[in-house]
C-alpha atoms as a PDB file:
ATOM      1  CA  MET A   1     138.420  77.044  98.302  1.00  0.00           C
ATOM      2  CA  PRO A   2     141.956  75.194  99.000  1.00  0.00           C
ATOM      3  CA  GLU A   3     144.416  75.374  97.012  1.00  0.00           C
ATOM      4  CA  LEU A   4     147.374  72.729  95.751  1.00  0.00           C
ATOM      5  CA  PRO A   5     149.533  72.699  98.969  1.00  0.00           C
ATOM      6  CA  GLU A   6     146.653  71.886 100.747  1.00  0.00           C
ATOM      7  CA  VAL A   7     144.765  69.018  98.137  1.00  0.00           C
ATOM      8  CA  GLU A   8     148.250  67.717  97.801  1.00  0.00           C
ATOM      9  CA  THR A   9     148.561  67.478 101.839  1.00  0.00           C
ATOM     10  CA  VAL A  10     144.872  65.917 102.112  1.00  0.00           C
ATOM     11  CA  ARG A  11     146.188  63.269  99.124  1.00  0.00           C
ATOM     12  CA  ARG A  12     148.940  62.796 101.458  1.00  0.00           C
ATOM     13  CA  GLY A  13     146.907  62.127 104.468  1.00  0.00           C
ATOM     14  CA  LEU A  14     144.415  60.051 102.510  1.00  0.00           C
ATOM     15  CA  GLU A  15     147.349  58.022 101.249  1.00  0.00           C
ATOM     16  CA  PRO A  16     148.072  55.572 103.765  1.00  0.00           C
ATOM     17  CA  ALA A  17     143.875  54.632 104.471  1.00  0.00           C
ATOM     18  CA  MET A  18     143.163  54.256 101.465  1.00  0.00           C
ATOM     19  CA  VAL A  19     145.675  52.849  98.770  1.00  0.00           C
ATOM     20  CA  GLY A  20     145.707  48.841  98.493  1.00  0.00           C
ATOM     21  CA  ALA A  21     142.299  48.607 100.274  1.00  0.00           C
ATOM     22  CA  ARG A  22     139.498  47.534  98.875  1.00  0.00           C
ATOM     23  CA  LEU A  23     135.929  49.289  99.695  1.00  0.00           C
ATOM     24  CA  SER A  24     133.948  47.312 100.911  1.00  0.00           C
ATOM     25  CA  ALA A  25     130.750  49.593 101.526  1.00  0.00           C
ATOM     26  CA  ILE A  26     130.178  52.884 100.565  1.00  0.00           C
ATOM     27  CA  GLU A  27     126.890  55.228 101.875  1.00  0.00           C
ATOM     28  CA  GLN A  28     125.756  57.692 100.041  1.00  0.00           C
ATOM     29  CA  ARG A  29     123.607  60.212 101.872  1.00  0.00           C
ATOM     30  CA  ARG A  30     121.841  62.397  99.918  1.00  0.00           C
ATOM     31  CA  PRO A  31     122.023  62.252  95.465  1.00  0.00           C
ATOM     32  CA  ASP A  32     124.297  65.084  94.787  1.00  0.00           C
ATOM     33  CA  LEU A  33     126.924  67.693  96.007  1.00  0.00           C
ATOM     34  CA  ARG A  34     127.228  70.494  94.018  1.00  0.00           C
ATOM     35  CA  PHE A  35     126.824  68.440  91.339  1.00  0.00           C
ATOM     36  CA  PRO A  36     124.242  64.581  91.093  1.00  0.00           C
ATOM     37  CA  PHE A  37     126.391  61.578  91.477  1.00  0.00           C
ATOM     38  CA  PRO A  38     127.004  59.563  88.897  1.00  0.00           C
ATOM     39  CA  GLU A  39     124.460  56.840  88.107  1.00  0.00           C
ATOM     40  CA  ARG A  40     125.093  53.623  90.524  1.00  0.00           C
ATOM     41  CA  PHE A  41     127.548  55.719  92.235  1.00  0.00           C
ATOM     42  CA  ALA A  42     127.678  53.642  95.444  1.00  0.00           C
ATOM     43  CA  GLU A  43     127.514  50.427  93.354  1.00  0.00           C
ATOM     44  CA  ARG A  44     130.477  50.866  91.012  1.00  0.00           C
ATOM     45  CA  LEU A  45     132.925  51.621  93.593  1.00  0.00           C
ATOM     46  CA  THR A  46     131.969  48.575  96.631  1.00  0.00           C
ATOM     47  CA  GLY A  47     134.520  45.859  96.131  1.00  0.00           C
ATOM     48  CA  ARG A  48     137.299  47.802  93.994  1.00  0.00           C
ATOM     49  CA  ARG A  49     140.208  48.104  95.052  1.00  0.00           C
ATOM     50  CA  VAL A  50     142.141  51.714  95.116  1.00  0.00           C
ATOM     51  CA  GLU A  51     145.423  51.034  93.060  1.00  0.00           C
ATOM     52  CA  ALA A  52     146.823  54.576  93.310  1.00  0.00           C
ATOM     53  CA  LEU A  53     145.941  58.257  94.695  1.00  0.00           C
ATOM     54  CA  SER A  54     146.687  60.920  92.617  1.00  0.00           C
ATOM     55  CA  ARG A  55     146.622  64.866  92.593  1.00  0.00           C
ATOM     56  CA  ARG A  56     146.032  66.686  89.195  1.00  0.00           C
ATOM     57  CA  ALA A  57     145.456  70.206  89.653  1.00  0.00           C
ATOM     58  CA  LYS A  58     143.267  71.239  92.731  1.00  0.00           C
ATOM     59  CA  TYR A  59     141.604  67.214  92.232  1.00  0.00           C
ATOM     60  CA  LEU A  60     141.994  64.222  94.073  1.00  0.00           C
ATOM     61  CA  VAL A  61     141.861  61.502  91.732  1.00  0.00           C
ATOM     62  CA  ALA A  62     141.465  57.451  93.344  1.00  0.00           C
ATOM     63  CA  GLU A  63     142.254  54.807  90.554  1.00  0.00           C
ATOM     64  CA  LEU A  64     140.328  51.692  90.826  1.00  0.00           C
ATOM     65  CA  ASP A  65     141.020  48.078  89.894  1.00  0.00           C
ATOM     66  CA  SER A  66     137.687  48.580  87.357  1.00  0.00           C
ATOM     67  CA  ASP A  67     137.645  50.676  84.505  1.00  0.00           C
ATOM     68  CA  ASP A  68     136.736  53.757  86.493  1.00  0.00           C
ATOM     69  CA  ALA A  69     138.585  56.445  88.442  1.00  0.00           C
ATOM     70  CA  LEU A  70     137.006  58.428  90.976  1.00  0.00           C
ATOM     71  CA  ILE A  71     137.810  61.987  91.070  1.00  0.00           C
ATOM     72  CA  MET A  72     137.281  63.950  94.096  1.00  0.00           C
ATOM     73  CA  HIS A  73     137.160  67.948  94.557  1.00  0.00           C
ATOM     74  CA  LEU A  74     136.766  69.662  97.887  1.00  0.00           C
ATOM     75  CA  GLY A  75     134.959  72.901  96.673  1.00  0.00           C
ATOM     76  CA  MET A  76     135.369  75.708  99.076  1.00  0.00           C
ATOM     77  CA  SER A  77     134.561  73.151 102.504  1.00  0.00           C
ATOM     78  CA  GLY A  78     134.832  69.789 101.758  1.00  0.00           C
ATOM     79  CA  ARG A  79     136.825  67.668 103.834  1.00  0.00           C
ATOM     80  CA  PHE A  80     137.703  63.781 104.551  1.00  0.00           C
ATOM     81  CA  ARG A  81     137.733  62.541 108.213  1.00  0.00           C
ATOM     82  CA  VAL A  82     139.815  59.036 108.866  1.00  0.00           C
ATOM     83  CA  GLU A  83     138.752  56.740 111.903  1.00  0.00           C
ATOM     84  CA  ARG A  84     139.817  53.007 112.779  1.00  0.00           C
ATOM     85  CA  ASP A  85     137.693  51.767 114.810  1.00  0.00           C
ATOM     86  CA  GLY A  86     135.529  54.764 115.519  1.00  0.00           C
ATOM     87  CA  GLU A  87     138.518  56.764 116.377  1.00  0.00           C
ATOM     88  CA  ALA A  88     140.457  59.519 114.665  1.00  0.00           C
ATOM     89  CA  ALA A  89     143.483  58.393 112.937  1.00  0.00           C
ATOM     90  CA  GLN A  90     146.476  60.413 113.010  1.00  0.00           C
ATOM     91  CA  LEU A  91     147.783  60.515 110.122  1.00  0.00           C
ATOM     92  CA  GLY A  92     151.385  61.578 110.394  1.00  0.00           C
ATOM     93  CA  GLU A  93     152.160  65.111 109.953  1.00  0.00           C
ATOM     94  CA  PHE A  94     148.760  65.365 107.693  1.00  0.00           C
ATOM     95  CA  HIS A  95     145.748  64.859 110.308  1.00  0.00           C
ATOM     96  CA  HIS A  96     143.600  67.699 110.404  1.00  0.00           C
ATOM     97  CA  GLU A  97     140.344  69.170 112.363  1.00  0.00           C
ATOM     98  CA  HIS A  98     137.246  68.045 110.600  1.00  0.00           C
ATOM     99  CA  GLY A  99     133.655  69.441 110.563  1.00  0.00           C
ATOM    100  CA  ARG A 100     132.164  67.949 113.391  1.00  0.00           C
ATOM    101  CA  GLU A 101     128.193  68.071 112.596  1.00  0.00           C
ATOM    102  CA  SER A 102     127.423  64.669 111.400  1.00  0.00           C
ATOM    103  CA  ALA A 103     124.381  66.250 109.072  1.00  0.00           C
ATOM    104  CA  HIS A 104     127.126  67.256 106.561  1.00  0.00           C
ATOM    105  CA  ASP A 105     128.576  63.904 106.790  1.00  0.00           C
ATOM    106  CA  HIS A 106     127.613  62.863 102.797  1.00  0.00           C
ATOM    107  CA  VAL A 107     129.617  60.199 101.621  1.00  0.00           C
ATOM    108  CA  VAL A 108     131.313  57.143 104.143  1.00  0.00           C
ATOM    109  CA  PHE A 109     134.224  54.819 102.477  1.00  0.00           C
ATOM    110  CA  ARG A 110     134.377  51.524 104.714  1.00  0.00           C
ATOM    111  CA  LEU A 111     137.346  50.067 103.595  1.00  0.00           C
ATOM    112  CA  THR A 112     138.801  46.397 104.299  1.00  0.00           C
ATOM    113  CA  ASN A 113     141.520  47.443 106.247  1.00  0.00           C
ATOM    114  CA  GLY A 114     139.134  48.543 109.025  1.00  0.00           C
ATOM    115  CA  ALA A 115     139.672  52.132 107.890  1.00  0.00           C
ATOM    116  CA  THR A 116     136.655  54.381 107.520  1.00  0.00           C
ATOM    117  CA  VAL A 117     136.740  57.673 105.405  1.00  0.00           C
ATOM    118  CA  THR A 118     133.832  60.311 105.873  1.00  0.00           C
ATOM    119  CA  TYR A 119     133.307  62.913 103.615  1.00  0.00           C
ATOM    120  CA  ASN A 120     132.054  66.028 105.055  1.00  0.00           C
ATOM    121  CA  ASP A 121     130.867  69.107 103.384  1.00  0.00           C
ATOM    122  CA  THR A 122     129.352  71.989 105.061  1.00  0.00           C
ATOM    123  CA  ARG A 123     128.253  74.092 101.803  1.00  0.00           C
ATOM    124  CA  ARG A 124     128.289  71.499  99.197  1.00  0.00           C
ATOM    125  CA  PHE A 125     130.326  72.895  96.468  1.00  0.00           C
ATOM    126  CA  GLY A 126     132.780  69.933  96.254  1.00  0.00           C
ATOM    127  CA  PHE A 127     132.179  66.876  94.331  1.00  0.00           C
ATOM    128  CA  MET A 128     132.974  63.318  93.353  1.00  0.00           C
ATOM    129  CA  ASP A 129     132.616  62.069  89.749  1.00  0.00           C
ATOM    130  CA  LEU A 130     133.659  58.767  88.354  1.00  0.00           C
ATOM    131  CA  VAL A 131     135.269  58.584  84.995  1.00  0.00           C
ATOM    132  CA  PRO A 132     137.254  55.968  82.371  1.00  0.00           C
ATOM    133  CA  ARG A 133     140.742  55.631  83.562  1.00  0.00           C
ATOM    134  CA  ALA A 134     141.778  54.927  79.764  1.00  0.00           C
ATOM    135  CA  GLY A 135     140.129  58.634  78.922  1.00  0.00           C
ATOM    136  CA  LEU A 136     141.501  60.224  82.281  1.00  0.00           C
ATOM    137  CA  ALA A 137     143.741  62.901  80.594  1.00  0.00           C
ATOM    138  CA  GLY A 138     140.961  63.860  78.309  1.00  0.00           C
ATOM    139  CA  CYS A 139     138.122  63.726  80.228  1.00  0.00           C
ATOM    140  CA  ARG A 140     135.773  66.886  81.171  1.00  0.00           C
ATOM    141  CA  HIS A 141     137.344  67.448  83.999  1.00  0.00           C
ATOM    142  CA  PHE A 142     140.904  67.457  82.739  1.00  0.00           C
ATOM    143  CA  ALA A 143     140.448  68.538  79.146  1.00  0.00           C
ATOM    144  CA  GLY A 144     142.478  71.715  78.665  1.00  0.00           C
ATOM    145  CA  MET A 145     144.202  72.004  81.790  1.00  0.00           C
ATOM    146  CA  GLY A 146     147.682  73.339  81.671  1.00  0.00           C
ATOM    147  CA  LEU A 147     150.765  71.385  83.214  1.00  0.00           C
ATOM    148  CA  GLU A 148     151.204  71.126  86.653  1.00  0.00           C
ATOM    149  CA  PRO A 149     153.397  73.466  88.603  1.00  0.00           C
ATOM    150  CA  LEU A 150     155.758  70.847  90.569  1.00  0.00           C
ATOM    151  CA  GLY A 151     158.457  69.243  88.722  1.00  0.00           C
ATOM    152  CA  ASN A 152     160.758  69.661  86.083  1.00  0.00           C
ATOM    153  CA  ALA A 153     157.923  70.662  83.403  1.00  0.00           C
ATOM    154  CA  LEU A 154     157.639  74.316  84.783  1.00  0.00           C
ATOM    155  CA  SER A 155     160.510  75.790  83.598  1.00  0.00           C
ATOM    156  CA  GLY A 156     161.966  79.277  82.558  1.00  0.00           C
ATOM    157  CA  GLU A 157     161.439  78.061  78.783  1.00  0.00           C
ATOM    158  CA  THR A 158     158.155  77.016  79.290  1.00  0.00           C
ATOM    159  CA  ILE A 159     156.926  80.076  81.358  1.00  0.00           C
ATOM    160  CA  ALA A 160     158.694  82.050  78.398  1.00  0.00           C
ATOM    161  CA  ARG A 161     156.491  79.794  75.487  1.00  0.00           C
ATOM    162  CA  LEU A 162     153.316  79.679  77.196  1.00  0.00           C
ATOM    163  CA  PHE A 163     153.503  83.943  78.006  1.00  0.00           C
ATOM    164  CA  ALA A 164     155.411  85.157  74.891  1.00  0.00           C
ATOM    165  CA  GLY A 165     153.301  88.268  73.199  1.00  0.00           C
ATOM    166  CA  LYS A 166     150.764  88.503  75.961  1.00  0.00           C
ATOM    167  CA  ARG A 167     149.545  91.844  77.553  1.00  0.00           C
ATOM    168  CA  THR A 168     147.377  89.943  80.064  1.00  0.00           C
ATOM    169  CA  PRO A 169     148.813  90.567  83.479  1.00  0.00           C
ATOM    170  CA  LEU A 170     151.330  88.372  84.745  1.00  0.00           C
ATOM    171  CA  LYS A 171     149.053  87.430  87.982  1.00  0.00           C
ATOM    172  CA  ALA A 172     146.380  86.884  85.552  1.00  0.00           C
ATOM    173  CA  ALA A 173     148.402  84.825  83.419  1.00  0.00           C
ATOM    174  CA  LEU A 174     149.406  82.206  86.435  1.00  0.00           C
ATOM    175  CA  LEU A 175     146.135  81.977  87.831  1.00  0.00           C
ATOM    176  CA  ASP A 176     145.057  80.495  84.063  1.00  0.00           C
ATOM    177  CA  GLN A 177     144.302  77.372  84.545  1.00  0.00           C
ATOM    178  CA  ARG A 178     145.125  76.208  80.704  1.00  0.00           C
ATOM    179  CA  LEU A 179     148.616  77.365  80.970  1.00  0.00           C
ATOM    180  CA  ILE A 180     149.834  75.927  84.680  1.00  0.00           C
ATOM    181  CA  ALA A 181     147.226  74.071  86.425  1.00  0.00           C
ATOM    182  CA  GLY A 182     146.891  74.362  90.404  1.00  0.00           C
ATOM    183  CA  LEU A 183     147.937  77.841  91.242  1.00  0.00           C
ATOM    184  CA  GLY A 184     145.855  79.676  93.137  1.00  0.00           C
ATOM    185  CA  ASN A 185     145.418  83.389  94.278  1.00  0.00           C
ATOM    186  CA  ILE A 186     146.855  83.076  97.347  1.00  0.00           C
ATOM    187  CA  TYR A 187     150.484  81.108  95.894  1.00  0.00           C
ATOM    188  CA  VAL A 188     150.720  83.212  93.503  1.00  0.00           C
ATOM    189  CA  CYS A 189     151.108  86.857  95.122  1.00  0.00           C
ATOM    190  CA  GLU A 190     153.489  85.018  97.496  1.00  0.00           C
ATOM    191  CA  ALA A 191     155.592  83.662  94.182  1.00  0.00           C
ATOM    192  CA  LEU A 192     155.335  87.369  92.386  1.00  0.00           C
ATOM    193  CA  PHE A 193     157.028  88.646  95.520  1.00  0.00           C
ATOM    194  CA  ARG A 194     159.423  86.255  96.064  1.00  0.00           C
ATOM    195  CA  ALA A 195     160.506  87.075  92.475  1.00  0.00           C
ATOM    196  CA  SER A 196     160.669  90.680  92.889  1.00  0.00           C
ATOM    197  CA  LEU A 197     157.462  90.880  89.644  1.00  0.00           C
ATOM    198  CA  ASP A 198     155.107  93.332  89.282  1.00  0.00           C
ATOM    199  CA  PRO A 199     151.481  91.425  89.110  1.00  0.00           C
ATOM    200  CA  ARG A 200     150.646  93.999  86.693  1.00  0.00           C
ATOM    201  CA  ALA A 201     153.470  93.796  83.987  1.00  0.00           C
ATOM    202  CA  PRO A 202     152.479  92.162  80.811  1.00  0.00           C
ATOM    203  CA  ALA A 203     152.951  88.082  81.016  1.00  0.00           C
ATOM    204  CA  GLY A 204     154.876  88.330  77.723  1.00  0.00           C
ATOM    205  CA  SER A 205     157.765  90.740  79.460  1.00  0.00           C
ATOM    206  CA  LEU A 206     158.875  87.625  80.715  1.00  0.00           C
ATOM    207  CA  ALA A 207     159.804  86.568  77.109  1.00  0.00           C
ATOM    208  CA  ASP A 208     162.922  88.010  75.113  1.00  0.00           C
ATOM    209  CA  ALA A 209     162.558  89.481  71.616  1.00  0.00           C
ATOM    210  CA  ALA A 210     163.536  85.792  70.673  1.00  0.00           C
ATOM    211  CA  GLY A 211     160.675  84.559  72.028  1.00  0.00           C
ATOM    212  CA  GLY A 212     163.481  82.889  74.642  1.00  0.00           C
ATOM    213  CA  PRO A 213     163.260  83.284  78.838  1.00  0.00           C
ATOM    214  CA  THR A 214     164.155  85.851  80.518  1.00  0.00           C
ATOM    215  CA  GLY A 215     166.038  85.761  83.974  1.00  0.00           C
ATOM    216  CA  GLN A 216     162.950  86.617  85.761  1.00  0.00           C
ATOM    217  CA  ALA A 217     161.334  83.960  83.704  1.00  0.00           C
ATOM    218  CA  GLU A 218     163.454  81.089  85.157  1.00  0.00           C
ATOM    219  CA  LEU A 219     163.662  82.422  88.923  1.00  0.00           C
ATOM    220  CA  LEU A 220     160.032  82.869  88.753  1.00  0.00           C
ATOM    221  CA  ALA A 221     159.876  79.323  87.475  1.00  0.00           C
ATOM    222  CA  GLY A 222     161.589  77.921  90.514  1.00  0.00           C
ATOM    223  CA  VAL A 223     160.555  80.268  93.352  1.00  0.00           C
ATOM    224  CA  ILE A 224     156.841  78.945  92.291  1.00  0.00           C
ATOM    225  CA  ARG A 225     158.201  75.216  93.255  1.00  0.00           C
ATOM    226  CA  ASP A 226     159.653  77.309  96.330  1.00  0.00           C
ATOM    227  CA  VAL A 227     156.646  78.528  97.747  1.00  0.00           C
ATOM    228  CA  LEU A 228     154.623  75.378  96.753  1.00  0.00           C
ATOM    229  CA  VAL A 229     156.983  72.701  98.517  1.00  0.00           C
ATOM    230  CA  GLU A 230     156.977  75.264 102.034  1.00  0.00           C
ATOM    231  CA  ALA A 231     153.151  75.215 101.755  1.00  0.00           C
ATOM    232  CA  ILE A 232     153.029  71.548 101.101  1.00  0.00           C
ATOM    233  CA  ASP A 233     155.823  70.788 104.256  1.00  0.00           C
ATOM    234  CA  ALA A 234     153.996  73.015 106.399  1.00  0.00           C
ATOM    235  CA  GLY A 235     150.496  71.870 105.579  1.00  0.00           C
ATOM    236  CA  GLY A 236     150.195  69.250 108.078  1.00  0.00           C
ATOM    237  CA  SER A 237     150.909  71.660 111.461  1.00  0.00           C
ATOM    238  CA  THR A 238     148.451  74.620 109.923  1.00  0.00           C
ATOM    239  CA  LEU A 239     145.790  71.621 109.126  1.00  0.00           C
ATOM    240  CA  ARG A 240     146.233  69.962 112.037  1.00  0.00           C
ATOM    241  CA  ASP A 241     145.764  73.154 114.268  1.00  0.00           C
ATOM    242  CA  HIS A 242     142.925  74.203 112.717  1.00  0.00           C
ATOM    243  CA  ALA A 243     139.419  73.964 113.780  1.00  0.00           C
ATOM    244  CA  GLN A 244     137.229  76.749 112.321  1.00  0.00           C
ATOM    245  CA  THR A 245     133.402  76.325 111.936  1.00  0.00           C
ATOM    246  CA  ASP A 246     132.914  76.954 108.535  1.00  0.00           C
ATOM    247  CA  GLY A 247     135.028  74.040 107.731  1.00  0.00           C
ATOM    248  CA  SER A 248     137.526  75.387 105.580  1.00  0.00           C
ATOM    249  CA  LEU A 249     141.147  74.529 105.313  1.00  0.00           C
ATOM    250  CA  GLY A 250     144.169  76.019 107.037  1.00  0.00           C
ATOM    251  CA  TYR A 251     146.985  77.482 105.154  1.00  0.00           C
ATOM    252  CA  PHE A 252     150.646  78.401 105.980  1.00  0.00           C
ATOM    253  CA  GLN A 253     149.862  81.671 107.006  1.00  0.00           C
ATOM    254  CA  HIS A 254     152.696  82.165 109.607  1.00  0.00           C
ATOM    255  CA  ALA A 255     155.001  82.302 106.172  1.00  0.00           C
ATOM    256  CA  PHE A 256     153.063  84.578 104.238  1.00  0.00           C
ATOM    257  CA  ARG A 257     155.054  87.505 103.168  1.00  0.00           C
ATOM    258  CA  VAL A 258     152.923  89.997 101.302  1.00  0.00           C
ATOM    259  CA  TYR A 259     149.047  88.184 101.367  1.00  0.00           C
ATOM    260  CA  ASP A 260     146.391  89.026 103.148  1.00  0.00           C
ATOM    261  CA  ARG A 261     148.929  91.937 104.976  1.00  0.00           C
ATOM    262  CA  GLU A 262     147.387  95.291 103.352  1.00  0.00           C
ATOM    263  CA  GLY A 263     148.789  98.524 105.651  1.00  0.00           C
ATOM    264  CA  GLU A 264     151.566  96.252 107.070  1.00  0.00           C
ATOM    265  CA  PRO A 265     155.049  96.590 106.516  1.00  0.00           C
ATOM    266  CA  CYS A 266     156.836  94.436 103.673  1.00  0.00           C
ATOM    267  CA  PRO A 267     159.210  92.223 105.269  1.00  0.00           C
ATOM    268  CA  VAL A 268     162.244  92.848 103.328  1.00  0.00           C
ATOM    269  CA  CYS A 269     161.922  97.291 102.500  1.00  0.00           C
ATOM    270  CA  ALA A 270     159.101  98.148 105.672  1.00  0.00           C
ATOM    271  CA  ALA A 271     156.870 100.245 102.655  1.00  0.00           C
ATOM    272  CA  PRO A 272     153.063  99.835 103.148  1.00  0.00           C
ATOM    273  CA  VAL A 273     151.835  96.456 101.486  1.00  0.00           C
ATOM    274  CA  ARG A 274     149.213  97.089  98.769  1.00  0.00           C
ATOM    275  CA  ARG A 275     146.377  95.623  97.749  1.00  0.00           C
ATOM    276  CA  ILE A 276     144.539  95.992  94.095  1.00  0.00           C
ATOM    277  CA  VAL A 277     141.859  94.006  92.333  1.00  0.00           C
ATOM    278  CA  GLN A 278     142.606  92.099  89.489  1.00  0.00           C
ATOM    279  CA  SER A 279     139.916  90.152  87.548  1.00  0.00           C
ATOM    280  CA  GLY A 280     138.184  90.474  90.700  1.00  0.00           C
ATOM    281  CA  ARG A 281     140.722  89.297  92.847  1.00  0.00           C
ATOM    282  CA  SER A 282     142.796  91.115  95.708  1.00  0.00           C
ATOM    283  CA  THR A 283     146.347  91.140  94.566  1.00  0.00           C
ATOM    284  CA  PHE A 284     148.813  91.607  97.515  1.00  0.00           C
ATOM    285  CA  TYR A 285     151.835  93.328  96.410  1.00  0.00           C
ATOM    286  CA  CYS A 286     154.939  95.537  97.652  1.00  0.00           C
ATOM    287  CA  GLU A 287     154.880  98.878  95.224  1.00  0.00           C
ATOM    288  CA  THR A 288     158.807  99.239  96.154  1.00  0.00           C
ATOM    289  CA  CYS A 289     160.284  95.691  95.865  1.00  0.00           C
ATOM    290  CA  GLN A 290     157.888  95.038  92.534  1.00  0.00           C
ATOM    291  CA  ALA A 291     158.524  98.047  90.973  1.00  0.00           C
END
């Protein structure tokens, strides 16, 4: 499943094609994806102008000039194709290869600026929904969701406050979307390695006796942002070059230091990278550097 950097990369690719344009026609080619489409989905979108395209965690949000916001989730294999005059548009660094079988083109957005945006999803694990703009933050998709990991909201103090007293393993706490929204397995493994933190350590160890942040909490906050920003910056070229037939999105594999490198030498100390399973997910780490 694409993680936050991949979704942000897709958002940046769609933004110049969609924002400011009106949806002149919508082709909804099936009644459902992972979930049924909202009632009168195409009708409610037709003629609406896209005022903004944002991201919340791993969701795309198109704010419309109506009472609705269009929420889109890519699931396992969802991806968008942008075309102008029947040819694929090159959207700067953020163009990427797409599913080529038209049988999996499930939604087509035609815009007044001449662009056509097609949603292709081989496995149909993605979904689209329309929710009231006024209650966007508290809608069923976002209610109870934690803070965004990019920007100043994530700090050592915030991490200490969220994790204080928790005996949950640090890796699991970072993946808890109720605390920090959008962090996924890949980038948590990478961030913990760069911060030299043991993924098995209690999350509460990042708060001191008074509940304040330890130096490790401060370091981790900065490292998380750095890893995500690097992945977003790298996302354009990796997505553009990625053409697997299953439709999965590309990642910045060339920059992985531990993720999916079991048995390979740690880039810092040359000890073999280990793999363990935590909460059903693979964790990759260096037993020496992250002791």
